[in-house]
N, C-alpha and C. Protein backbone atom coordinates (compact mmCIF):
# COMPACT_ATOMS: atom_id res chain seq x y z
N MET A 1 31.85 7.23 -26.33
CA MET A 1 30.48 7.00 -25.88
C MET A 1 29.90 5.89 -26.75
N ILE A 2 29.47 4.82 -26.09
CA ILE A 2 28.87 3.71 -26.83
C ILE A 2 27.45 3.45 -26.34
N ARG A 3 26.73 2.71 -27.11
CA ARG A 3 25.36 2.33 -26.76
C ARG A 3 25.39 1.41 -25.56
N ILE A 4 24.57 1.70 -24.57
CA ILE A 4 24.47 0.88 -23.37
C ILE A 4 23.17 0.10 -23.43
N HIS A 5 23.28 -1.18 -23.17
CA HIS A 5 22.09 -2.03 -23.15
C HIS A 5 21.79 -2.36 -21.69
N ARG A 6 20.87 -1.58 -21.13
CA ARG A 6 20.50 -1.72 -19.72
C ARG A 6 19.72 -3.01 -19.54
N SER A 7 19.98 -3.70 -18.46
CA SER A 7 19.27 -4.93 -18.13
C SER A 7 17.77 -4.64 -17.97
N ALA A 8 16.95 -5.54 -18.44
CA ALA A 8 15.50 -5.40 -18.29
C ALA A 8 15.07 -5.66 -16.84
N LYS A 9 15.94 -6.33 -16.10
CA LYS A 9 15.64 -6.64 -14.70
C LYS A 9 15.95 -5.42 -13.83
N VAL A 10 14.90 -4.84 -13.27
CA VAL A 10 15.05 -3.66 -12.41
C VAL A 10 15.57 -4.12 -11.05
N PRO A 11 16.63 -3.48 -10.53
CA PRO A 11 17.16 -3.85 -9.22
C PRO A 11 16.08 -3.78 -8.12
N ALA A 12 16.16 -4.71 -7.18
CA ALA A 12 15.15 -4.87 -6.13
C ALA A 12 14.93 -3.59 -5.31
N THR A 13 16.01 -2.87 -5.03
CA THR A 13 15.88 -1.64 -4.23
C THR A 13 14.99 -0.62 -4.94
N LEU A 14 15.12 -0.51 -6.24
CA LEU A 14 14.29 0.43 -7.00
C LEU A 14 12.85 -0.05 -7.07
N LYS A 15 12.66 -1.36 -7.24
CA LYS A 15 11.31 -1.91 -7.36
C LYS A 15 10.51 -1.73 -6.08
N LYS A 16 11.18 -1.80 -4.94
CA LYS A 16 10.45 -1.68 -3.68
C LYS A 16 10.56 -0.27 -3.09
N ARG A 17 11.74 0.07 -2.59
CA ARG A 17 11.91 1.37 -1.92
C ARG A 17 11.78 2.54 -2.89
N GLY A 18 12.32 2.39 -4.09
CA GLY A 18 12.23 3.46 -5.09
C GLY A 18 10.79 3.73 -5.49
N LYS A 19 10.03 2.67 -5.67
CA LYS A 19 8.62 2.82 -6.04
C LYS A 19 7.84 3.51 -4.92
N GLN A 20 8.12 3.15 -3.68
CA GLN A 20 7.45 3.77 -2.53
C GLN A 20 7.80 5.26 -2.44
N GLU A 21 9.08 5.56 -2.59
CA GLU A 21 9.53 6.95 -2.49
C GLU A 21 8.95 7.80 -3.64
N THR A 22 8.88 7.22 -4.82
CA THR A 22 8.30 7.93 -5.97
C THR A 22 6.83 8.25 -5.71
N ALA A 23 6.10 7.30 -5.16
CA ALA A 23 4.69 7.52 -4.84
C ALA A 23 4.54 8.67 -3.83
N LEU A 24 5.43 8.73 -2.84
CA LEU A 24 5.40 9.82 -1.85
C LEU A 24 5.66 11.17 -2.53
N LEU A 25 6.68 11.22 -3.38
CA LEU A 25 7.02 12.48 -4.07
C LEU A 25 5.87 12.94 -4.96
N CYS A 26 5.26 12.02 -5.69
CA CYS A 26 4.14 12.38 -6.56
C CYS A 26 2.94 12.86 -5.74
N GLY A 27 2.71 12.23 -4.60
CA GLY A 27 1.63 12.66 -3.71
C GLY A 27 1.89 14.04 -3.14
N GLN A 28 3.15 14.31 -2.77
CA GLN A 28 3.50 15.64 -2.26
C GLN A 28 3.26 16.70 -3.33
N TYR A 29 3.67 16.39 -4.55
CA TYR A 29 3.47 17.34 -5.64
C TYR A 29 1.98 17.61 -5.85
N ASP A 30 1.19 16.57 -5.93
CA ASP A 30 -0.24 16.73 -6.18
C ASP A 30 -0.92 17.55 -5.09
N ALA A 31 -0.47 17.40 -3.85
CA ALA A 31 -1.07 18.12 -2.73
C ALA A 31 -0.68 19.59 -2.70
N ASN A 32 0.42 19.95 -3.37
CA ASN A 32 0.94 21.31 -3.24
C ASN A 32 1.59 21.77 -4.55
N HIS A 33 1.00 21.43 -5.69
CA HIS A 33 1.64 21.67 -6.99
C HIS A 33 1.94 23.13 -7.29
N ALA A 34 1.11 24.05 -6.88
CA ALA A 34 1.35 25.47 -7.19
C ALA A 34 2.65 25.95 -6.55
N ASP A 35 2.90 25.55 -5.31
CA ASP A 35 4.14 25.96 -4.63
C ASP A 35 5.36 25.28 -5.24
N TYR A 36 5.24 24.02 -5.63
CA TYR A 36 6.37 23.34 -6.27
C TYR A 36 6.65 23.96 -7.63
N ASP A 37 5.62 24.26 -8.41
CA ASP A 37 5.81 24.85 -9.73
C ASP A 37 6.43 26.24 -9.67
N SER A 38 6.10 27.01 -8.65
CA SER A 38 6.67 28.35 -8.52
C SER A 38 8.10 28.32 -8.00
N GLY A 39 8.50 27.20 -7.42
CA GLY A 39 9.84 27.11 -6.86
C GLY A 39 9.91 27.56 -5.42
N SER A 40 8.77 28.01 -4.85
CA SER A 40 8.79 28.47 -3.46
C SER A 40 8.93 27.30 -2.49
N VAL A 41 8.55 26.12 -2.92
CA VAL A 41 8.75 24.90 -2.14
C VAL A 41 9.53 23.94 -3.02
N ARG A 42 10.53 23.30 -2.44
CA ARG A 42 11.34 22.35 -3.20
C ARG A 42 11.31 20.99 -2.54
N PHE A 43 11.45 19.99 -3.36
CA PHE A 43 11.51 18.63 -2.83
C PHE A 43 12.78 18.44 -2.03
N PRO A 44 12.72 17.62 -0.98
CA PRO A 44 13.96 17.30 -0.27
C PRO A 44 14.87 16.51 -1.22
N SER A 45 16.14 16.47 -0.90
CA SER A 45 17.08 15.73 -1.74
C SER A 45 16.63 14.28 -1.87
N ALA A 46 16.80 13.74 -3.06
CA ALA A 46 16.46 12.34 -3.29
C ALA A 46 17.41 11.46 -2.45
N ASN A 47 16.92 10.33 -2.03
CA ASN A 47 17.67 9.43 -1.16
C ASN A 47 18.67 8.62 -1.98
N ASN A 48 19.95 9.01 -1.88
CA ASN A 48 20.97 8.31 -2.66
C ASN A 48 21.24 6.89 -2.16
N LYS A 49 20.72 6.55 -1.01
CA LYS A 49 20.85 5.17 -0.53
C LYS A 49 19.90 4.25 -1.31
N ILE A 50 18.93 4.85 -2.00
CA ILE A 50 18.02 4.06 -2.84
C ILE A 50 18.59 4.01 -4.26
N TYR A 51 18.71 5.16 -4.94
CA TYR A 51 19.19 5.13 -6.33
C TYR A 51 20.67 4.77 -6.43
N GLY A 52 21.41 4.94 -5.34
CA GLY A 52 22.83 4.60 -5.33
C GLY A 52 23.12 3.33 -4.55
N SER A 53 22.11 2.51 -4.35
CA SER A 53 22.28 1.27 -3.58
C SER A 53 23.23 0.31 -4.28
N GLU A 54 23.73 -0.64 -3.54
CA GLU A 54 24.70 -1.60 -4.06
C GLU A 54 24.14 -2.38 -5.25
N ASP A 55 22.88 -2.82 -5.16
CA ASP A 55 22.33 -3.61 -6.27
C ASP A 55 22.13 -2.77 -7.54
N VAL A 56 21.82 -1.49 -7.37
CA VAL A 56 21.68 -0.60 -8.53
C VAL A 56 23.04 -0.40 -9.18
N LYS A 57 24.04 -0.06 -8.38
CA LYS A 57 25.39 0.17 -8.93
C LYS A 57 25.95 -1.10 -9.57
N LYS A 58 25.72 -2.22 -8.94
CA LYS A 58 26.23 -3.48 -9.50
C LYS A 58 25.61 -3.76 -10.86
N SER A 59 24.30 -3.55 -10.98
CA SER A 59 23.61 -3.75 -12.26
C SER A 59 24.11 -2.78 -13.32
N LEU A 60 24.27 -1.50 -12.93
CA LEU A 60 24.75 -0.50 -13.88
C LEU A 60 26.19 -0.79 -14.31
N LYS A 61 27.04 -1.17 -13.36
CA LYS A 61 28.43 -1.51 -13.71
C LYS A 61 28.46 -2.66 -14.71
N SER A 62 27.60 -3.63 -14.50
CA SER A 62 27.57 -4.79 -15.39
C SER A 62 27.16 -4.38 -16.81
N CYS A 63 26.06 -3.63 -16.95
CA CYS A 63 25.60 -3.28 -18.29
C CYS A 63 26.47 -2.21 -18.94
N GLN A 64 27.24 -1.49 -18.16
CA GLN A 64 28.16 -0.48 -18.70
C GLN A 64 29.58 -1.02 -18.79
N HIS A 65 29.77 -2.28 -18.51
CA HIS A 65 31.09 -2.93 -18.57
C HIS A 65 32.12 -2.21 -17.69
N ASN A 66 31.66 -1.77 -16.50
CA ASN A 66 32.48 -1.06 -15.52
C ASN A 66 33.13 0.20 -16.11
N LYS A 67 32.41 0.88 -17.01
CA LYS A 67 32.91 2.10 -17.64
C LYS A 67 31.92 3.24 -17.46
N CYS A 68 32.45 4.45 -17.53
CA CYS A 68 31.63 5.66 -17.51
C CYS A 68 30.70 5.65 -18.72
N CYS A 69 29.44 5.97 -18.50
CA CYS A 69 28.45 5.95 -19.59
C CYS A 69 28.76 6.96 -20.68
N TYR A 70 29.50 8.00 -20.37
CA TYR A 70 29.79 9.03 -21.36
C TYR A 70 31.20 8.92 -21.93
N SER A 71 32.21 8.85 -21.07
CA SER A 71 33.60 8.87 -21.53
C SER A 71 34.16 7.48 -21.84
N GLU A 72 33.51 6.45 -21.36
CA GLU A 72 33.96 5.06 -21.49
C GLU A 72 35.23 4.78 -20.68
N ALA A 73 35.63 5.69 -19.81
CA ALA A 73 36.79 5.45 -18.95
C ALA A 73 36.42 4.40 -17.91
N LYS A 74 37.34 3.50 -17.64
CA LYS A 74 37.12 2.44 -16.65
C LYS A 74 37.05 3.06 -15.26
N PHE A 75 36.18 2.47 -14.41
CA PHE A 75 36.12 2.88 -13.01
C PHE A 75 37.22 2.15 -12.26
N VAL A 76 38.05 2.90 -11.56
CA VAL A 76 39.15 2.29 -10.81
C VAL A 76 39.06 2.57 -9.31
N ARG A 77 38.17 3.43 -8.91
CA ARG A 77 38.00 3.77 -7.49
C ARG A 77 36.64 3.28 -7.01
N ASP A 78 36.49 3.31 -5.71
CA ASP A 78 35.23 2.86 -5.13
C ASP A 78 34.10 3.85 -5.34
N TYR A 79 34.40 5.16 -5.37
CA TYR A 79 33.34 6.16 -5.50
C TYR A 79 32.94 6.31 -6.97
N VAL A 80 31.73 5.92 -7.26
CA VAL A 80 31.18 6.04 -8.61
C VAL A 80 29.79 6.66 -8.47
N PRO A 81 29.62 7.91 -8.90
CA PRO A 81 28.31 8.55 -8.74
C PRO A 81 27.28 8.01 -9.73
N VAL A 82 26.05 7.93 -9.25
CA VAL A 82 24.93 7.58 -10.11
C VAL A 82 24.44 8.87 -10.75
N GLU A 83 24.39 8.85 -12.05
CA GLU A 83 23.97 9.99 -12.85
C GLU A 83 22.49 9.85 -13.19
N HIS A 84 21.76 10.95 -13.04
CA HIS A 84 20.36 10.99 -13.48
C HIS A 84 20.38 11.68 -14.84
N PHE A 85 20.05 10.95 -15.90
CA PHE A 85 20.06 11.55 -17.23
C PHE A 85 19.18 12.80 -17.23
N ARG A 86 17.93 12.67 -16.77
CA ARG A 86 17.08 13.84 -16.57
C ARG A 86 17.25 14.25 -15.10
N PRO A 87 17.71 15.47 -14.83
CA PRO A 87 18.01 15.90 -13.46
C PRO A 87 16.80 15.82 -12.53
N LYS A 88 17.04 15.37 -11.31
CA LYS A 88 15.95 15.09 -10.37
C LYS A 88 15.44 16.32 -9.63
N SER A 89 16.28 17.32 -9.34
CA SER A 89 15.80 18.43 -8.50
C SER A 89 15.51 19.73 -9.22
N ALA A 90 16.30 20.06 -10.23
CA ALA A 90 16.10 21.31 -10.97
C ALA A 90 16.61 21.10 -12.39
N ILE A 91 16.25 22.03 -13.26
CA ILE A 91 16.62 21.92 -14.67
C ILE A 91 17.11 23.28 -15.16
N ALA A 92 18.18 23.25 -15.95
CA ALA A 92 18.64 24.46 -16.63
C ALA A 92 18.63 24.17 -18.13
N GLN A 93 17.93 24.98 -18.89
CA GLN A 93 17.86 24.81 -20.35
C GLN A 93 19.20 25.16 -20.98
N GLN A 94 19.82 26.22 -20.51
CA GLN A 94 21.15 26.63 -20.96
C GLN A 94 22.10 26.44 -19.79
N GLY A 95 23.38 26.30 -20.07
CA GLY A 95 24.37 26.07 -19.02
C GLY A 95 24.32 27.07 -17.88
N SER A 96 24.11 28.34 -18.19
CA SER A 96 24.11 29.36 -17.14
C SER A 96 22.71 29.95 -16.90
N SER A 97 21.69 29.33 -17.48
CA SER A 97 20.35 29.90 -17.33
C SER A 97 19.78 29.63 -15.94
N LYS A 98 18.76 30.39 -15.64
CA LYS A 98 18.07 30.24 -14.36
C LYS A 98 17.48 28.83 -14.27
N LYS A 99 17.58 28.26 -13.09
CA LYS A 99 17.06 26.91 -12.89
C LYS A 99 15.54 26.91 -12.81
N GLN A 100 14.97 25.86 -13.34
CA GLN A 100 13.53 25.66 -13.30
C GLN A 100 13.24 24.56 -12.27
N TYR A 101 12.25 24.80 -11.43
CA TYR A 101 11.85 23.82 -10.42
C TYR A 101 10.42 23.38 -10.68
N PRO A 102 10.02 22.23 -10.30
CA PRO A 102 10.90 21.15 -9.86
C PRO A 102 11.57 20.50 -11.07
N GLY A 103 12.55 19.64 -10.77
CA GLY A 103 13.18 18.85 -11.82
C GLY A 103 12.32 17.62 -12.08
N TYR A 104 12.92 16.60 -12.57
CA TYR A 104 12.22 15.35 -12.88
C TYR A 104 12.18 14.47 -11.62
N TYR A 105 11.54 14.99 -10.58
CA TYR A 105 11.48 14.31 -9.28
C TYR A 105 10.94 12.89 -9.39
N TRP A 106 10.00 12.65 -10.27
CA TRP A 106 9.37 11.35 -10.40
C TRP A 106 10.28 10.32 -11.09
N LEU A 107 11.44 10.78 -11.57
CA LEU A 107 12.40 9.87 -12.21
C LEU A 107 13.64 9.63 -11.35
N ALA A 108 13.63 10.15 -10.12
CA ALA A 108 14.80 10.00 -9.24
C ALA A 108 15.15 8.55 -8.98
N TYR A 109 14.18 7.66 -8.99
CA TYR A 109 14.41 6.24 -8.70
C TYR A 109 14.00 5.36 -9.88
N GLU A 110 13.92 5.96 -11.05
CA GLU A 110 13.50 5.24 -12.26
C GLU A 110 14.70 4.60 -12.94
N TRP A 111 14.68 3.30 -13.08
CA TRP A 111 15.78 2.54 -13.67
C TRP A 111 16.20 3.12 -15.03
N SER A 112 15.27 3.51 -15.85
CA SER A 112 15.58 4.02 -17.19
C SER A 112 16.26 5.38 -17.17
N ASN A 113 16.33 6.04 -16.03
CA ASN A 113 16.94 7.37 -15.92
C ASN A 113 18.32 7.34 -15.26
N LEU A 114 18.78 6.16 -14.86
CA LEU A 114 20.02 6.07 -14.09
C LEU A 114 21.17 5.52 -14.92
N LEU A 115 22.33 6.12 -14.71
CA LEU A 115 23.58 5.73 -15.36
C LEU A 115 24.71 5.93 -14.36
N LEU A 116 25.87 5.37 -14.65
CA LEU A 116 27.06 5.63 -13.85
C LEU A 116 28.02 6.47 -14.68
N CYS A 117 28.61 7.49 -14.05
CA CYS A 117 29.59 8.29 -14.78
C CYS A 117 30.69 8.75 -13.84
N LYS A 118 31.75 9.24 -14.43
CA LYS A 118 32.89 9.76 -13.67
C LYS A 118 32.45 11.00 -12.89
N PRO A 119 33.01 11.18 -11.68
CA PRO A 119 32.61 12.34 -10.85
C PRO A 119 32.74 13.69 -11.55
N GLY A 120 33.80 13.93 -12.30
CA GLY A 120 33.99 15.21 -12.97
C GLY A 120 32.93 15.48 -14.02
N ILE A 121 32.53 14.46 -14.74
CA ILE A 121 31.49 14.62 -15.76
C ILE A 121 30.16 14.90 -15.09
N ASN A 122 29.88 14.18 -14.01
CA ASN A 122 28.64 14.39 -13.26
C ASN A 122 28.58 15.83 -12.75
N SER A 123 29.71 16.37 -12.31
CA SER A 123 29.76 17.76 -11.83
C SER A 123 29.55 18.75 -12.96
N ASN A 124 30.07 18.46 -14.14
CA ASN A 124 29.89 19.35 -15.30
C ASN A 124 28.43 19.42 -15.72
N LYS A 125 27.77 18.31 -15.73
CA LYS A 125 26.39 18.25 -16.23
C LYS A 125 25.42 18.92 -15.25
N LYS A 126 25.57 18.65 -13.98
CA LYS A 126 24.70 19.20 -12.93
C LYS A 126 23.23 19.11 -13.32
N ASP A 127 22.56 20.27 -13.40
CA ASP A 127 21.13 20.33 -13.71
C ASP A 127 20.87 20.67 -15.18
N TYR A 128 21.93 20.72 -15.96
CA TYR A 128 21.81 21.10 -17.37
C TYR A 128 21.10 19.98 -18.13
N PHE A 129 19.97 20.33 -18.74
CA PHE A 129 19.23 19.36 -19.55
C PHE A 129 18.43 20.11 -20.61
N PRO A 130 19.11 20.50 -21.69
CA PRO A 130 18.44 21.27 -22.74
C PRO A 130 17.56 20.38 -23.61
N LEU A 131 16.49 20.97 -24.10
CA LEU A 131 15.61 20.31 -25.06
C LEU A 131 15.67 21.09 -26.37
N LEU A 132 15.42 20.42 -27.47
CA LEU A 132 15.37 21.12 -28.75
C LEU A 132 14.27 22.18 -28.72
N ASP A 133 13.16 21.88 -28.05
CA ASP A 133 12.07 22.83 -27.87
C ASP A 133 11.69 22.83 -26.39
N ALA A 134 12.11 23.86 -25.67
CA ALA A 134 11.88 23.93 -24.22
C ALA A 134 10.40 23.92 -23.86
N HIS A 135 9.53 24.29 -24.79
CA HIS A 135 8.09 24.31 -24.51
C HIS A 135 7.49 22.92 -24.37
N THR A 136 8.23 21.91 -24.76
CA THR A 136 7.71 20.53 -24.67
C THR A 136 8.14 19.84 -23.37
N ARG A 137 8.83 20.58 -22.50
CA ARG A 137 9.36 19.97 -21.26
C ARG A 137 8.24 19.39 -20.40
N ALA A 138 8.49 18.18 -19.91
CA ALA A 138 7.58 17.54 -18.95
C ALA A 138 7.84 18.19 -17.60
N ASN A 139 6.84 18.85 -17.05
CA ASN A 139 7.01 19.62 -15.82
C ASN A 139 6.63 18.86 -14.56
N ASN A 140 5.94 17.74 -14.70
CA ASN A 140 5.55 16.95 -13.53
C ASN A 140 5.22 15.53 -13.97
N HIS A 141 4.87 14.70 -13.02
CA HIS A 141 4.64 13.28 -13.31
C HIS A 141 3.38 13.03 -14.13
N HIS A 142 2.58 14.04 -14.38
CA HIS A 142 1.40 13.90 -15.23
C HIS A 142 1.73 14.21 -16.70
N SER A 143 2.91 14.75 -16.94
CA SER A 143 3.33 15.15 -18.29
C SER A 143 3.79 13.95 -19.11
N ASP A 144 3.84 14.15 -20.40
CA ASP A 144 4.24 13.11 -21.34
C ASP A 144 5.70 13.31 -21.76
N LEU A 145 6.60 12.47 -21.24
CA LEU A 145 8.02 12.56 -21.57
C LEU A 145 8.30 12.32 -23.05
N SER A 146 7.43 11.59 -23.70
CA SER A 146 7.68 11.26 -25.11
C SER A 146 7.60 12.49 -26.02
N LEU A 147 7.07 13.60 -25.53
CA LEU A 147 7.00 14.82 -26.32
C LEU A 147 8.33 15.58 -26.32
N GLU A 148 9.21 15.24 -25.39
CA GLU A 148 10.50 15.92 -25.28
C GLU A 148 11.49 15.40 -26.33
N SER A 149 12.37 16.29 -26.75
CA SER A 149 13.49 15.93 -27.62
C SER A 149 14.76 16.46 -26.96
N PRO A 150 15.40 15.64 -26.11
CA PRO A 150 16.62 16.09 -25.44
C PRO A 150 17.75 16.40 -26.42
N VAL A 151 18.55 17.38 -26.08
CA VAL A 151 19.72 17.72 -26.87
C VAL A 151 20.84 16.73 -26.55
N LEU A 152 21.03 16.43 -25.27
CA LEU A 152 22.07 15.48 -24.87
C LEU A 152 21.70 14.07 -25.30
N ILE A 153 22.70 13.30 -25.60
CA ILE A 153 22.49 11.94 -26.07
C ILE A 153 22.43 11.00 -24.88
N ASP A 154 21.39 10.19 -24.82
CA ASP A 154 21.22 9.18 -23.78
C ASP A 154 21.74 7.86 -24.34
N PRO A 155 22.92 7.42 -23.88
CA PRO A 155 23.51 6.21 -24.45
C PRO A 155 22.73 4.93 -24.15
N ALA A 156 21.76 5.01 -23.26
CA ALA A 156 20.96 3.83 -22.93
C ALA A 156 19.67 3.75 -23.74
N SER A 157 19.35 4.81 -24.47
CA SER A 157 18.11 4.76 -25.25
C SER A 157 18.32 5.04 -26.74
N GLU A 158 19.53 5.40 -27.12
CA GLU A 158 19.82 5.65 -28.53
C GLU A 158 21.29 5.35 -28.81
N ASP A 159 21.61 5.18 -30.06
CA ASP A 159 22.98 4.87 -30.45
C ASP A 159 23.78 6.16 -30.62
N PRO A 160 24.75 6.40 -29.74
CA PRO A 160 25.55 7.63 -29.83
C PRO A 160 26.29 7.77 -31.16
N ARG A 161 26.55 6.67 -31.86
CA ARG A 161 27.27 6.73 -33.14
C ARG A 161 26.49 7.48 -34.22
N GLU A 162 25.23 7.71 -33.99
CA GLU A 162 24.45 8.51 -34.93
C GLU A 162 24.87 9.99 -34.87
N HIS A 163 25.55 10.36 -33.76
CA HIS A 163 25.89 11.76 -33.52
C HIS A 163 27.36 12.01 -33.23
N ILE A 164 28.05 10.99 -32.73
CA ILE A 164 29.44 11.17 -32.31
C ILE A 164 30.29 10.04 -32.87
N ARG A 165 31.43 10.43 -33.42
CA ARG A 165 32.43 9.47 -33.88
C ARG A 165 33.78 9.92 -33.34
N PHE A 166 34.78 9.09 -33.55
CA PHE A 166 36.12 9.40 -33.05
C PHE A 166 37.13 9.35 -34.19
N HIS A 167 38.05 10.28 -34.15
CA HIS A 167 39.22 10.27 -35.03
C HIS A 167 40.40 10.11 -34.09
N ASN A 168 41.10 8.98 -34.20
CA ASN A 168 42.07 8.58 -33.19
C ASN A 168 41.29 8.51 -31.87
N GLU A 169 41.60 9.34 -30.91
CA GLU A 169 40.82 9.31 -29.66
C GLU A 169 40.05 10.61 -29.46
N GLU A 170 39.98 11.44 -30.47
CA GLU A 170 39.27 12.71 -30.39
C GLU A 170 37.83 12.57 -30.89
N PRO A 171 36.86 12.93 -30.03
CA PRO A 171 35.47 12.86 -30.50
C PRO A 171 35.15 14.02 -31.44
N TYR A 172 34.27 13.77 -32.38
CA TYR A 172 33.77 14.83 -33.25
C TYR A 172 32.30 14.58 -33.54
N ALA A 173 31.61 15.65 -33.88
CA ALA A 173 30.18 15.55 -34.18
C ALA A 173 30.03 14.96 -35.57
N TYR A 174 29.49 13.78 -35.63
CA TYR A 174 29.29 13.08 -36.89
C TYR A 174 28.22 13.80 -37.71
N ARG A 175 28.54 14.06 -38.97
CA ARG A 175 27.65 14.78 -39.88
C ARG A 175 27.20 16.12 -39.30
N SER A 176 28.10 16.76 -38.57
CA SER A 176 27.86 18.08 -37.95
C SER A 176 26.65 18.08 -37.03
N SER A 177 26.39 16.97 -36.37
CA SER A 177 25.24 16.86 -35.46
C SER A 177 25.34 17.88 -34.33
N LYS A 178 24.31 18.72 -34.19
CA LYS A 178 24.27 19.70 -33.08
C LYS A 178 24.19 18.97 -31.74
N ARG A 179 23.44 17.88 -31.71
CA ARG A 179 23.34 17.09 -30.48
C ARG A 179 24.70 16.50 -30.12
N GLY A 180 25.42 16.04 -31.13
CA GLY A 180 26.76 15.51 -30.91
C GLY A 180 27.70 16.59 -30.39
N GLU A 181 27.65 17.78 -31.01
CA GLU A 181 28.48 18.90 -30.57
C GLU A 181 28.23 19.25 -29.10
N THR A 182 26.96 19.38 -28.75
CA THR A 182 26.59 19.76 -27.38
C THR A 182 27.03 18.68 -26.39
N THR A 183 26.79 17.43 -26.71
CA THR A 183 27.17 16.33 -25.82
C THR A 183 28.68 16.29 -25.63
N ILE A 184 29.43 16.44 -26.71
CA ILE A 184 30.90 16.45 -26.62
C ILE A 184 31.38 17.61 -25.76
N LYS A 185 30.84 18.79 -26.02
CA LYS A 185 31.26 19.98 -25.27
C LYS A 185 31.04 19.83 -23.77
N LEU A 186 29.92 19.27 -23.39
CA LEU A 186 29.59 19.16 -21.97
C LEU A 186 30.14 17.91 -21.30
N LEU A 187 30.08 16.79 -21.99
CA LEU A 187 30.36 15.52 -21.33
C LEU A 187 31.66 14.84 -21.73
N LEU A 188 32.21 15.19 -22.86
CA LEU A 188 33.42 14.50 -23.30
C LEU A 188 34.61 15.43 -23.36
């Protein structure tokens, strides 16, 4: 896992269609927040033709050097899933814990939340997104994300070497980092 330097240029599909879709989702939430917060109403699936568009994937492949954001394995097939660092539809604090709704719906088309990863890793992560303090979780688009302290390492916003190093090709938690341990266990 290496530090990813995401391009400052947001892909056109996200700037136009993603922005429009985000505004719709935020409006839906505001009109019916009690039902969304209780989980009795859920957002429809995010449109993968927007966050998974050709220009988004091309930009991500370029800044990730055509490698998985977590494992650094080269992409050799056409199918490359777009990973949402913060899950878009639901959230699980623990791997097997009950899901919390809604997820980070307002980040479904946010450039800073998108990465490319191998299909198996994407399947392992699913809705798992633990925080050091679950009480600081941003529950909607009015919340302050800067109050959160994610357990998983975001290679596009921090240097993974602060938490993970390699001996030969085996990852280990550098300086016994709990964040490194959790990230390795789930993603590597």
